[in-house]
Amino acid sequence: TPSTECTVFQLVDAVVTGQKKRALILMKNQLLSGTEPAAML
């Protein structure tokens, strides 16, 4: 079960590699799971 940091790492990888759809899904899932936007930033 990935930690927030690991999932954000996957999110950043999706952003960096231009995988817009994947990045937006990962971001939405993090926000829905209660991850604070400040922590993600």
Full PDB file with SEQRES, HELIX, SHEET, SSBOND, CRYST1, ORIGX, SCALE, CONECT and MASTER records, all heavy atoms in Angstrom:
SEQRES   1 A   41  THR PRO SER THR GLU CYS THR VAL PHE GLN LEU VAL ASP          
SEQRES   2 A   41  ALA VAL VAL THR GLY GLN LYS LYS ARG ALA LEU ILE LEU          
SEQRES   3 A   41  MET LYS ASN GLN LEU LEU SER GLY THR GLU PRO ALA ALA          
SEQRES   4 A   41  MET LEU                                                      
HELIX    1 AA1 THR A    4  VAL A   16  1                                  13    
HELIX    2 AA2 LYS A   20  LEU A   32  1                                  13    
HELIX    3 AA3 PRO A   37  MET A   40  1                                   4    
CRYST1    1.000    1.000    1.000  90.00  90.00  90.00 P 1           1          
ORIGX1      1.000000  0.000000  0.000000        0.00000                         
ORIGX2      0.000000  1.000000  0.000000        0.00000                         
ORIGX3      0.000000  0.000000  1.000000        0.00000                         
SCALE1      1.000000  0.000000  0.000000        0.00000                         
SCALE2      0.000000  1.000000  0.000000        0.00000                         
SCALE3      0.000000  0.000000  1.000000        0.00000                         
ATOM      1  N   THR A   1       0.859  -1.176   0.000  1.00  0.00           N  
ATOM      2  CA  THR A   1       0.000   0.000   0.000  1.00  0.00           C  
ATOM      3  C   THR A   1       0.897   1.228   0.000  1.00  0.00           C  
ATOM      4  O   THR A   1       1.614   1.473   0.964  1.00  0.00           O  
ATOM      5  CB  THR A   1      -0.907   0.010   1.249  1.00  0.00           C  
ATOM      6  OG1 THR A   1      -1.636  -1.226   1.300  1.00  0.00           O  
ATOM      7  CG2 THR A   1      -1.860   1.176   1.233  1.00  0.00           C  
ATOM      8  N   PRO A   2       0.858   1.994  -1.097  1.00  0.00           N  
ATOM      9  CA  PRO A   2       1.791   3.115  -1.207  1.00  0.00           C  
ATOM     10  C   PRO A   2       1.498   4.247  -0.229  1.00  0.00           C  
ATOM     11  O   PRO A   2       0.345   4.559   0.055  1.00  0.00           O  
ATOM     12  CB  PRO A   2       1.609   3.615  -2.644  1.00  0.00           C  
ATOM     13  CG  PRO A   2       0.666   2.701  -3.313  1.00  0.00           C  
ATOM     14  CD  PRO A   2       0.037   1.838  -2.282  1.00  0.00           C  
ATOM     15  N   SER A   3       2.572   4.849   0.262  1.00  0.00           N  
ATOM     16  CA  SER A   3       2.456   6.033   1.110  1.00  0.00           C  
ATOM     17  C   SER A   3       2.098   7.239   0.244  1.00  0.00           C  
ATOM     18  O   SER A   3       2.167   7.178  -0.982  1.00  0.00           O  
ATOM     19  CB  SER A   3       3.793   6.301   1.817  1.00  0.00           C  
ATOM     20  OG  SER A   3       4.773   6.656   0.847  1.00  0.00           O  
ATOM     21  N   THR A   4       1.747   8.320   0.885  1.00  0.00           N  
ATOM     22  CA  THR A   4       1.450   9.555   0.163  1.00  0.00           C  
ATOM     23  C   THR A   4       2.645   9.977  -0.677  1.00  0.00           C  
ATOM     24  O   THR A   4       2.499  10.340  -1.840  1.00  0.00           O  
ATOM     25  CB  THR A   4       1.079  10.680   1.151  1.00  0.00           C  
ATOM     26  OG1 THR A   4      -0.081  10.277   1.864  1.00  0.00           O  
ATOM     27  CG2 THR A   4       0.828  11.991   0.436  1.00  0.00           C  
ATOM     28  N   GLU A   5       3.841   9.910  -0.094  1.00  0.00           N  
ATOM     29  CA  GLU A   5       5.033  10.321  -0.830  1.00  0.00           C  
ATOM     30  C   GLU A   5       5.243   9.466  -2.067  1.00  0.00           C  
ATOM     31  O   GLU A   5       5.578   9.963  -3.135  1.00  0.00           O  
ATOM     32  CB  GLU A   5       6.266  10.266   0.073  1.00  0.00           C  
ATOM     33  CG  GLU A   5       7.496  10.805  -0.609  1.00  0.00           C  
ATOM     34  CD  GLU A   5       8.662  10.976   0.331  1.00  0.00           C  
ATOM     35  OE1 GLU A   5       8.501  11.632   1.374  1.00  0.00           O  
ATOM     36  OE2 GLU A   5       9.738  10.450   0.011  1.00  0.00           O  
ATOM     37  N   CYS A   6       5.019   8.173  -1.943  1.00  0.00           N  
ATOM     38  CA  CYS A   6       5.177   7.278  -3.089  1.00  0.00           C  
ATOM     39  C   CYS A   6       4.157   7.612  -4.176  1.00  0.00           C  
ATOM     40  O   CYS A   6       4.502   7.670  -5.361  1.00  0.00           O  
ATOM     41  CB  CYS A   6       5.028   5.826  -2.646  1.00  0.00           C  
ATOM     42  SG  CYS A   6       5.208   4.631  -3.987  1.00  0.00           S  
ATOM     43  N   THR A   7       2.924   7.855  -3.785  1.00  0.00           N  
ATOM     44  CA  THR A   7       1.891   8.168  -4.763  1.00  0.00           C  
ATOM     45  C   THR A   7       2.166   9.514  -5.427  1.00  0.00           C  
ATOM     46  O   THR A   7       1.968   9.676  -6.620  1.00  0.00           O  
ATOM     47  CB  THR A   7       0.499   8.147  -4.114  1.00  0.00           C  
ATOM     48  OG1 THR A   7       0.315   6.877  -3.488  1.00  0.00           O  
ATOM     49  CG2 THR A   7      -0.597   8.344  -5.136  1.00  0.00           C  
ATOM     50  N   VAL A   8       2.654  10.475  -4.650  1.00  0.00           N  
ATOM     51  CA  VAL A   8       3.006  11.763  -5.233  1.00  0.00           C  
ATOM     52  C   VAL A   8       4.200  11.583  -6.186  1.00  0.00           C  
ATOM     53  O   VAL A   8       4.266  12.227  -7.223  1.00  0.00           O  
ATOM     54  CB  VAL A   8       3.264  12.836  -4.159  1.00  0.00           C  
ATOM     55  CG1 VAL A   8       3.816  14.114  -4.772  1.00  0.00           C  
ATOM     56  CG2 VAL A   8       1.975  13.135  -3.404  1.00  0.00           C  
ATOM     57  N   PHE A   9       5.116  10.678  -5.845  1.00  0.00           N  
ATOM     58  CA  PHE A   9       6.224  10.370  -6.752  1.00  0.00           C  
ATOM     59  C   PHE A   9       5.661   9.862  -8.084  1.00  0.00           C  
ATOM     60  O   PHE A   9       6.108  10.276  -9.151  1.00  0.00           O  
ATOM     61  CB  PHE A   9       7.129   9.310  -6.107  1.00  0.00           C  
ATOM     62  CG  PHE A   9       8.354   8.972  -6.896  1.00  0.00           C  
ATOM     63  CD1 PHE A   9       9.492   9.757  -6.817  1.00  0.00           C  
ATOM     64  CD2 PHE A   9       8.380   7.858  -7.713  1.00  0.00           C  
ATOM     65  CE1 PHE A   9      10.627   9.435  -7.546  1.00  0.00           C  
ATOM     66  CE2 PHE A   9       9.504   7.530  -8.443  1.00  0.00           C  
ATOM     67  CZ  PHE A   9      10.643   8.326  -8.348  1.00  0.00           C  
ATOM     68  N   GLN A  10       4.651   8.990  -8.025  1.00  0.00           N  
ATOM     69  CA  GLN A  10       4.000   8.500  -9.246  1.00  0.00           C  
ATOM     70  C   GLN A  10       3.299   9.652  -9.974  1.00  0.00           C  
ATOM     71  O   GLN A  10       3.324   9.728 -11.197  1.00  0.00           O  
ATOM     72  CB  GLN A  10       2.994   7.400  -8.908  1.00  0.00           C  
ATOM     73  CG  GLN A  10       3.619   6.138  -8.378  1.00  0.00           C  
ATOM     74  CD  GLN A  10       2.591   5.164  -7.807  1.00  0.00           C  
ATOM     75  OE1 GLN A  10       1.432   5.495  -7.611  1.00  0.00           O  
ATOM     76  NE2 GLN A  10       3.036   3.943  -7.533  1.00  0.00           N  
ATOM     77  N   LEU A  11       2.691  10.538  -9.196  1.00  0.00           N  
ATOM     78  CA  LEU A  11       2.027  11.707  -9.764  1.00  0.00           C  
ATOM     79  C   LEU A  11       3.034  12.592 -10.489  1.00  0.00           C  
ATOM     80  O   LEU A  11       2.812  12.999 -11.628  1.00  0.00           O  
ATOM     81  CB  LEU A  11       1.317  12.493  -8.655  1.00  0.00           C  
ATOM     82  CG  LEU A  11       0.780  13.878  -9.006  1.00  0.00           C  
ATOM     83  CD1 LEU A  11      -0.283  13.805 -10.077  1.00  0.00           C  
ATOM     84  CD2 LEU A  11       0.234  14.550  -7.753  1.00  0.00           C  
ATOM     85  N   VAL A  12       4.153  12.878  -9.841  1.00  0.00           N  
ATOM     86  CA  VAL A  12       5.186  13.715 -10.465  1.00  0.00           C  
ATOM     87  C   VAL A  12       5.720  13.038 -11.720  1.00  0.00           C  
ATOM     88  O   VAL A  12       5.919  13.687 -12.748  1.00  0.00           O  
ATOM     89  CB  VAL A  12       6.326  14.022  -9.474  1.00  0.00           C  
ATOM     90  CG1 VAL A  12       7.499  14.702 -10.171  1.00  0.00           C  
ATOM     91  CG2 VAL A  12       5.814  14.891  -8.339  1.00  0.00           C  
ATOM     92  N   ASP A  13       5.910  11.731 -11.662  1.00  0.00           N  
ATOM     93  CA  ASP A  13       6.385  11.010 -12.844  1.00  0.00           C  
ATOM     94  C   ASP A  13       5.377  11.173 -13.986  1.00  0.00           C  
ATOM     95  O   ASP A  13       5.769  11.400 -15.132  1.00  0.00           O  
ATOM     96  CB  ASP A  13       6.598   9.530 -12.526  1.00  0.00           C  
ATOM     97  CG  ASP A  13       7.224   8.781 -13.683  1.00  0.00           C  
ATOM     98  OD1 ASP A  13       8.306   9.189 -14.145  1.00  0.00           O  
ATOM     99  OD2 ASP A  13       6.614   7.792 -14.145  1.00  0.00           O  
ATOM    100  N   ALA A  14       4.096  11.095 -13.678  1.00  0.00           N  
ATOM    101  CA  ALA A  14       3.077  11.268 -14.715  1.00  0.00           C  
ATOM    102  C   ALA A  14       3.099  12.693 -15.270  1.00  0.00           C  
ATOM    103  O   ALA A  14       2.974  12.900 -16.478  1.00  0.00           O  
ATOM    104  CB  ALA A  14       1.694  10.932 -14.157  1.00  0.00           C  
ATOM    105  N   VAL A  15       3.293  13.681 -14.397  1.00  0.00           N  
ATOM    106  CA  VAL A  15       3.362  15.074 -14.851  1.00  0.00           C  
ATOM    107  C   VAL A  15       4.590  15.269 -15.731  1.00  0.00           C  
ATOM    108  O   VAL A  15       4.505  15.819 -16.832  1.00  0.00           O  
ATOM    109  CB  VAL A  15       3.392  16.050 -13.647  1.00  0.00           C  
ATOM    110  CG1 VAL A  15       3.699  17.469 -14.101  1.00  0.00           C  
ATOM    111  CG2 VAL A  15       2.070  16.014 -12.885  1.00  0.00           C  
ATOM    112  N   VAL A  16       5.741  14.805 -15.253  1.00  0.00           N  
ATOM    113  CA  VAL A  16       7.001  15.008 -15.968  1.00  0.00           C  
ATOM    114  C   VAL A  16       6.995  14.326 -17.328  1.00  0.00           C  
ATOM    115  O   VAL A  16       7.526  14.856 -18.302  1.00  0.00           O  
ATOM    116  CB  VAL A  16       8.187  14.504 -15.107  1.00  0.00           C  
ATOM    117  CG1 VAL A  16       9.475  14.455 -15.902  1.00  0.00           C  
ATOM    118  CG2 VAL A  16       8.360  15.391 -13.890  1.00  0.00           C  
ATOM    119  N   THR A  17       6.376  13.172 -17.413  1.00  0.00           N  
ATOM    120  CA  THR A  17       6.354  12.445 -18.680  1.00  0.00           C  
ATOM    121  C   THR A  17       5.160  12.821 -19.554  1.00  0.00           C  
ATOM    122  O   THR A  17       4.953  12.222 -20.606  1.00  0.00           O  
ATOM    123  CB  THR A  17       6.376  10.921 -18.437  1.00  0.00           C  
ATOM    124  OG1 THR A  17       5.264  10.560 -17.613  1.00  0.00           O  
ATOM    125  CG2 THR A  17       7.680  10.483 -17.782  1.00  0.00           C  
ATOM    126  N   GLY A  18       4.388  13.818 -19.102  1.00  0.00           N  
ATOM    127  CA  GLY A  18       3.293  14.326 -19.913  1.00  0.00           C  
ATOM    128  C   GLY A  18       2.062  13.440 -19.964  1.00  0.00           C  
ATOM    129  O   GLY A  18       1.244  13.567 -20.870  1.00  0.00           O  
ATOM    130  N   GLN A  19       1.901  12.560 -18.989  1.00  0.00           N  
ATOM    131  CA  GLN A  19       0.734  11.684 -18.938  1.00  0.00           C  
ATOM    132  C   GLN A  19      -0.399  12.419 -18.211  1.00  0.00           C  
ATOM    133  O   GLN A  19      -0.693  12.166 -17.061  1.00  0.00           O  
ATOM    134  CB  GLN A  19       1.072  10.387 -18.209  1.00  0.00           C  
ATOM    135  CG  GLN A  19       2.162   9.577 -18.866  1.00  0.00           C  
ATOM    136  CD  GLN A  19       2.527   8.384 -18.016  1.00  0.00           C  
ATOM    137  OE1 GLN A  19       1.655   7.650 -17.548  1.00  0.00           O  
ATOM    138  NE2 GLN A  19       3.814   8.185 -17.795  1.00  0.00           N  
ATOM    139  N   LYS A  20      -1.019  13.340 -18.919  1.00  0.00           N  
ATOM    140  CA  LYS A  20      -1.997  14.241 -18.319  1.00  0.00           C  
ATOM    141  C   LYS A  20      -3.139  13.495 -17.630  1.00  0.00           C  
ATOM    142  O   LYS A  20      -3.465  13.770 -16.480  1.00  0.00           O  
ATOM    143  CB  LYS A  20      -2.551  15.176 -19.396  1.00  0.00           C  
ATOM    144  CG  LYS A  20      -3.462  16.253 -18.867  1.00  0.00           C  
ATOM    145  CD  LYS A  20      -3.870  17.208 -19.979  1.00  0.00           C  
ATOM    146  CE  LYS A  20      -4.721  18.329 -19.443  1.00  0.00           C  
ATOM    147  NZ  LYS A  20      -5.045  19.308 -20.493  1.00  0.00           N  
ATOM    148  N   LYS A  21      -3.741  12.545 -18.316  1.00  0.00           N  
ATOM    149  CA  LYS A  21      -4.889  11.821 -17.752  1.00  0.00           C  
ATOM    150  C   LYS A  21      -4.492  11.085 -16.468  1.00  0.00           C  
ATOM    151  O   LYS A  21      -5.185  11.175 -15.452  1.00  0.00           O  
ATOM    152  CB  LYS A  21      -5.443  10.840 -18.785  1.00  0.00           C  
ATOM    153  CG  LYS A  21      -6.682  10.122 -18.330  1.00  0.00           C  
ATOM    154  CD  LYS A  21      -7.253   9.228 -19.419  1.00  0.00           C  
ATOM    155  CE  LYS A  21      -8.497   8.518 -18.946  1.00  0.00           C  
ATOM    156  NZ  LYS A  21      -9.079   7.677 -19.993  1.00  0.00           N  
ATOM    157  N   ARG A  22      -3.363  10.375 -16.512  1.00  0.00           N  
ATOM    158  CA  ARG A  22      -2.893   9.638 -15.327  1.00  0.00           C  
ATOM    159  C   ARG A  22      -2.585  10.606 -14.180  1.00  0.00           C  
ATOM    160  O   ARG A  22      -2.924  10.348 -13.029  1.00  0.00           O  
ATOM    161  CB  ARG A  22      -1.654   8.813 -15.676  1.00  0.00           C  
ATOM    162  CG  ARG A  22      -1.141   7.989 -14.518  1.00  0.00           C  
ATOM    163  CD  ARG A  22      -0.043   7.019 -14.967  1.00  0.00           C  
ATOM    164  NE  ARG A  22       0.395   6.221 -13.857  1.00  0.00           N  
ATOM    165  CZ  ARG A  22       1.570   6.367 -13.252  1.00  0.00           C  
ATOM    166  NH1 ARG A  22       2.442   7.245 -13.704  1.00  0.00           N  
ATOM    167  NH2 ARG A  22       1.891   5.608 -12.231  1.00  0.00           N  
ATOM    168  N   ALA A  23      -1.934  11.717 -14.496  1.00  0.00           N  
ATOM    169  CA  ALA A  23      -1.594  12.706 -13.470  1.00  0.00           C  
ATOM    170  C   ALA A  23      -2.849  13.247 -12.795  1.00  0.00           C  
ATOM    171  O   ALA A  23      -2.903  13.357 -11.563  1.00  0.00           O  
ATOM    172  CB  ALA A  23      -0.779  13.842 -14.082  1.00  0.00           C  
ATOM    173  N   LEU A  24      -3.845  13.567 -13.579  1.00  0.00           N  
ATOM    174  CA  LEU A  24      -5.071  14.127 -13.012  1.00  0.00           C  
ATOM    175  C   LEU A  24      -5.833  13.101 -12.173  1.00  0.00           C  
ATOM    176  O   LEU A  24      -6.406  13.448 -11.132  1.00  0.00           O  
ATOM    177  CB  LEU A  24      -5.949  14.708 -14.121  1.00  0.00           C  
ATOM    178  CG  LEU A  24      -5.329  15.907 -14.862  1.00  0.00           C  
ATOM    179  CD1 LEU A  24      -6.217  16.338 -16.025  1.00  0.00           C  
ATOM    180  CD2 LEU A  24      -5.041  17.058 -13.926  1.00  0.00           C  
ATOM    181  N   ILE A  25      -5.815  11.846 -12.593  1.00  0.00           N  
ATOM    182  CA  ILE A  25      -6.462  10.786 -11.797  1.00  0.00           C  
ATOM    183  C   ILE A  25      -5.731  10.593 -10.471  1.00  0.00           C  
ATOM    184  O   ILE A  25      -6.361  10.515  -9.410  1.00  0.00           O  
ATOM    185  CB  ILE A  25      -6.528   9.463 -12.594  1.00  0.00           C  
ATOM    186  CG1 ILE A  25      -7.557   9.591 -13.728  1.00  0.00           C  
ATOM    187  CG2 ILE A  25      -6.872   8.284 -11.679  1.00  0.00           C  
ATOM    188  CD1 ILE A  25      -7.525   8.449 -14.728  1.00  0.00           C  
ATOM    189  N   LEU A  26      -4.388  10.520 -10.517  1.00  0.00           N  
ATOM    190  CA  LEU A  26      -3.608  10.355  -9.281  1.00  0.00           C  
ATOM    191  C   LEU A  26      -3.823  11.541  -8.340  1.00  0.00           C  
ATOM    192  O   LEU A  26      -3.958  11.367  -7.129  1.00  0.00           O  
ATOM    193  CB  LEU A  26      -2.124  10.183  -9.602  1.00  0.00           C  
ATOM    194  CG  LEU A  26      -1.726   8.852 -10.221  1.00  0.00           C  
ATOM    195  CD1 LEU A  26      -0.306   8.913 -10.780  1.00  0.00           C  
ATOM    196  CD2 LEU A  26      -1.850   7.728  -9.201  1.00  0.00           C  
ATOM    197  N   MET A  27      -3.852  12.741  -8.906  1.00  0.00           N  
ATOM    198  CA  MET A  27      -4.068  13.932  -8.092  1.00  0.00           C  
ATOM    199  C   MET A  27      -5.449  13.883  -7.431  1.00  0.00           C  
ATOM    200  O   MET A  27      -5.580  14.110  -6.228  1.00  0.00           O  
ATOM    201  CB  MET A  27      -3.960  15.183  -8.952  1.00  0.00           C  
ATOM    202  CG  MET A  27      -4.257  16.470  -8.195  1.00  0.00           C  
ATOM    203  SD  MET A  27      -4.631  17.838  -9.295  1.00  0.00           S  
ATOM    204  CE  MET A  27      -6.092  17.249 -10.134  1.00  0.00           C  
ATOM    205  N   LYS A  28      -6.460  13.563  -8.209  1.00  0.00           N  
ATOM    206  CA  LYS A  28      -7.833  13.497  -7.679  1.00  0.00           C  
ATOM    207  C   LYS A  28      -7.916  12.450  -6.562  1.00  0.00           C  
ATOM    208  O   LYS A  28      -8.514  12.706  -5.510  1.00  0.00           O  
ATOM    209  CB  LYS A  28      -8.799  13.150  -8.807  1.00  0.00           C  
ATOM    210  CG  LYS A  28     -10.235  13.041  -8.369  1.00  0.00           C  
ATOM    211  CD  LYS A  28     -11.130  12.640  -9.535  1.00  0.00           C  
ATOM    212  CE  LYS A  28     -12.533  12.354  -9.063  1.00  0.00           C  
ATOM    213  NZ  LYS A  28     -13.358  11.796 -10.131  1.00  0.00           N  
ATOM    214  N   ASN A  29      -7.301  11.283  -6.776  1.00  0.00           N  
ATOM    215  CA  ASN A  29      -7.336  10.231  -5.758  1.00  0.00           C  
ATOM    216  C   ASN A  29      -6.660  10.676  -4.468  1.00  0.00           C  
ATOM    217  O   ASN A  29      -7.133  10.368  -3.378  1.00  0.00           O  
ATOM    218  CB  ASN A  29      -6.696   8.950  -6.287  1.00  0.00           C  
ATOM    219  CG  ASN A  29      -7.539   8.272  -7.343  1.00  0.00           C  
ATOM    220  OD1 ASN A  29      -8.734   8.551  -7.480  1.00  0.00           O  
ATOM    221  ND2 ASN A  29      -6.927   7.392  -8.120  1.00  0.00           N  
ATOM    222  N   GLN A  30      -5.532  11.397  -4.598  1.00  0.00           N  
ATOM    223  CA  GLN A  30      -4.846  11.895  -3.402  1.00  0.00           C  
ATOM    224  C   GLN A  30      -5.708  12.896  -2.648  1.00  0.00           C  
ATOM    225  O   GLN A  30      -5.811  12.841  -1.424  1.00  0.00           O  
ATOM    226  CB  GLN A  30      -3.512  12.547  -3.787  1.00  0.00           C  
ATOM    227  CG  GLN A  30      -2.404  11.563  -4.052  1.00  0.00           C  
ATOM    228  CD  GLN A  30      -2.115  10.727  -2.828  1.00  0.00           C  
ATOM    229  OE1 GLN A  30      -1.638  11.214  -1.804  1.00  0.00           O  
ATOM    230  NE2 GLN A  30      -2.411   9.448  -2.913  1.00  0.00           N  
ATOM    231  N   LEU A  31      -6.334  13.793  -3.369  1.00  0.00           N  
ATOM    232  CA  LEU A  31      -7.184  14.788  -2.713  1.00  0.00           C  
ATOM    233  C   LEU A  31      -8.397  14.131  -2.065  1.00  0.00           C  
ATOM    234  O   LEU A  31      -8.769  14.481  -0.943  1.00  0.00           O  
ATOM    235  CB  LEU A  31      -7.618  15.861  -3.719  1.00  0.00           C  
ATOM    236  CG  LEU A  31      -6.483  16.763  -4.233  1.00  0.00           C  
ATOM    237  CD1 LEU A  31      -6.969  17.634  -5.382  1.00  0.00           C  
ATOM    238  CD2 LEU A  31      -5.910  17.606  -3.103  1.00  0.00           C  
ATOM    239  N   LEU A  32      -9.000  13.150  -2.751  1.00  0.00           N  
ATOM    240  CA  LEU A  32     -10.154  12.448  -2.184  1.00  0.00           C  
ATOM    241  C   LEU A  32      -9.783  11.618  -0.959  1.00  0.00           C  
ATOM    242  O   LEU A  32     -10.610  11.422  -0.066  1.00  0.00           O  
ATOM    243  CB  LEU A  32     -10.814  11.556  -3.241  1.00  0.00           C  
ATOM    244  CG  LEU A  32     -11.564  12.286  -4.354  1.00  0.00           C  
ATOM    245  CD1 LEU A  32     -12.036  11.295  -5.427  1.00  0.00           C  
ATOM    246  CD2 LEU A  32     -12.745  13.078  -3.792  1.00  0.00           C  
ATOM    247  N   SER A  33      -8.541  11.131  -0.919  1.00  0.00           N  
ATOM    248  CA  SER A  33      -8.118  10.326   0.228  1.00  0.00           C  
ATOM    249  C   SER A  33      -7.725  11.198   1.420  1.00  0.00           C  
ATOM    250  O   SER A  33      -7.356  10.684   2.471  1.00  0.00           O  
ATOM    251  CB  SER A  33      -6.960   9.405  -0.156  1.00  0.00           C  
ATOM    252  OG  SER A  33      -5.775  10.162  -0.353  1.00  0.00           O  
ATOM    253  N   GLY A  34      -7.807  12.521   1.236  1.00  0.00           N  
ATOM    254  CA  GLY A  34      -7.549  13.416   2.357  1.00  0.00           C  
ATOM    255  C   GLY A  34      -6.154  13.999   2.413  1.00  0.00           C  
ATOM    256  O   GLY A  34      -5.810  14.666   3.391  1.00  0.00           O  
ATOM    257  N   THR A  35      -5.358  13.765   1.408  1.00  0.00           N  
ATOM    258  CA  THR A  35      -4.023  14.352   1.388  1.00  0.00           C  
ATOM    259  C   THR A  35      -4.161  15.865   1.281  1.00  0.00           C  
ATOM    260  O   THR A  35      -4.892  16.368   0.439  1.00  0.00           O  
ATOM    261  CB  THR A  35      -3.192  13.817   0.202  1.00  0.00           C  
ATOM    262  OG1 THR A  35      -3.130  12.392   0.303  1.00  0.00           O  
ATOM    263  CG2 THR A  35      -1.795  14.389   0.201  1.00  0.00           C  
ATOM    264  N   GLU A  36      -3.478  16.555   2.143  1.00  0.00           N  
ATOM    265  CA  GLU A  36      -3.538  18.021   2.157  1.00  0.00           C  
ATOM    266  C   GLU A  36      -2.856  18.583   0.911  1.00  0.00           C  
ATOM    267  O   GLU A  36      -1.756  18.161   0.565  1.00  0.00           O  
ATOM    268  CB  GLU A  36      -2.847  18.572   3.404  1.00  0.00           C  
ATOM    269  CG  GLU A  36      -3.601  18.316   4.682  1.00  0.00           C  
ATOM    270  CD  GLU A  36      -4.904  19.086   4.755  1.00  0.00           C  
ATOM    271  OE1 GLU A  36      -4.953  20.249   4.308  1.00  0.00           O  
ATOM    272  OE2 GLU A  36      -5.883  18.513   5.264  1.00  0.00           O  
ATOM    273  N   PRO A  37      -3.494  19.532   0.256  1.00  0.00           N  
ATOM    274  CA  PRO A  37      -2.858  20.171  -0.901  1.00  0.00           C  
ATOM    275  C   PRO A  37      -1.478  20.735  -0.587  1.00  0.00           C  
ATOM    276  O   PRO A  37      -0.562  20.635  -1.401  1.00  0.00           O  
ATOM    277  CB  PRO A  37      -3.846  21.279  -1.284  1.00  0.00           C  
ATOM    278  CG  PRO A  37      -5.169  20.759  -0.835  1.00  0.00           C  
ATOM    279  CD  PRO A  37      -4.863  20.018   0.444  1.00  0.00           C  
ATOM    280  N   ALA A  38      -1.306  21.302   0.610  1.00  0.00           N  
ATOM    281  CA  ALA A  38      -0.003  21.858   0.980  1.00  0.00           C  
ATOM    282  C   ALA A  38       1.074  20.771   1.001  1.00  0.00           C  
ATOM    283  O   ALA A  38       2.215  21.015   0.592  1.00  0.00           O  
ATOM    284  CB  ALA A  38      -0.083  22.549   2.338  1.00  0.00           C  
ATOM    285  N   ALA A  39       0.717  19.581   1.446  1.00  0.00           N  
ATOM    286  CA  ALA A  39       1.682  18.474   1.465  1.00  0.00           C  
ATOM    287  C   ALA A  39       2.049  18.058   0.045  1.00  0.00           C  
ATOM    288  O   ALA A  39       3.215  17.778  -0.253  1.00  0.00           O  
ATOM    289  CB  ALA A  39       1.113  17.287   2.239  1.00  0.00           C  
ATOM    290  N   MET A  40       1.049  18.018  -0.831  1.00  0.00           N  
ATOM    291  CA  MET A  40       1.317  17.655  -2.224  1.00  0.00           C  
ATOM    292  C   MET A  40       2.186  18.711  -2.899  1.00  0.00           C  
ATOM    293  O   MET A  40       3.116  18.381  -3.640  1.00  0.00           O  
ATOM    294  CB  MET A  40       0.009  17.466  -2.981  1.00  0.00           C  
ATOM    295  CG  MET A  40      -0.772  16.251  -2.507  1.00  0.00           C  
ATOM    296  SD  MET A  40      -2.377  16.096  -3.304  1.00  0.00           S  
ATOM    297  CE  MET A  40      -1.890  15.739  -4.974  1.00  0.00           C  
ATOM    298  N   LEU A  41       1.920  19.985  -2.627  1.00  0.00           N  
ATOM    299  CA  LEU A  41       2.741  21.050  -3.195  1.00  0.00           C  
ATOM    300  C   LEU A  41       4.181  20.938  -2.719  1.00  0.00           C  
ATOM    301  O   LEU A  41       5.118  21.108  -3.505  1.00  0.00           O  
ATOM    302  CB  LEU A  41       2.167  22.425  -2.820  1.00  0.00           C  
ATOM    303  CG  LEU A  41       0.863  22.820  -3.500  1.00  0.00           C  
ATOM    304  CD1 LEU A  41       0.292  24.088  -2.869  1.00  0.00           C  
ATOM    305  CD2 LEU A  41       1.058  22.996  -4.994  1.00  0.00           C  
TER     306      LEU A  41                                                      
MASTER        0    0    0    3    0    0    0    6  305    1    0    4          
END                                                                             
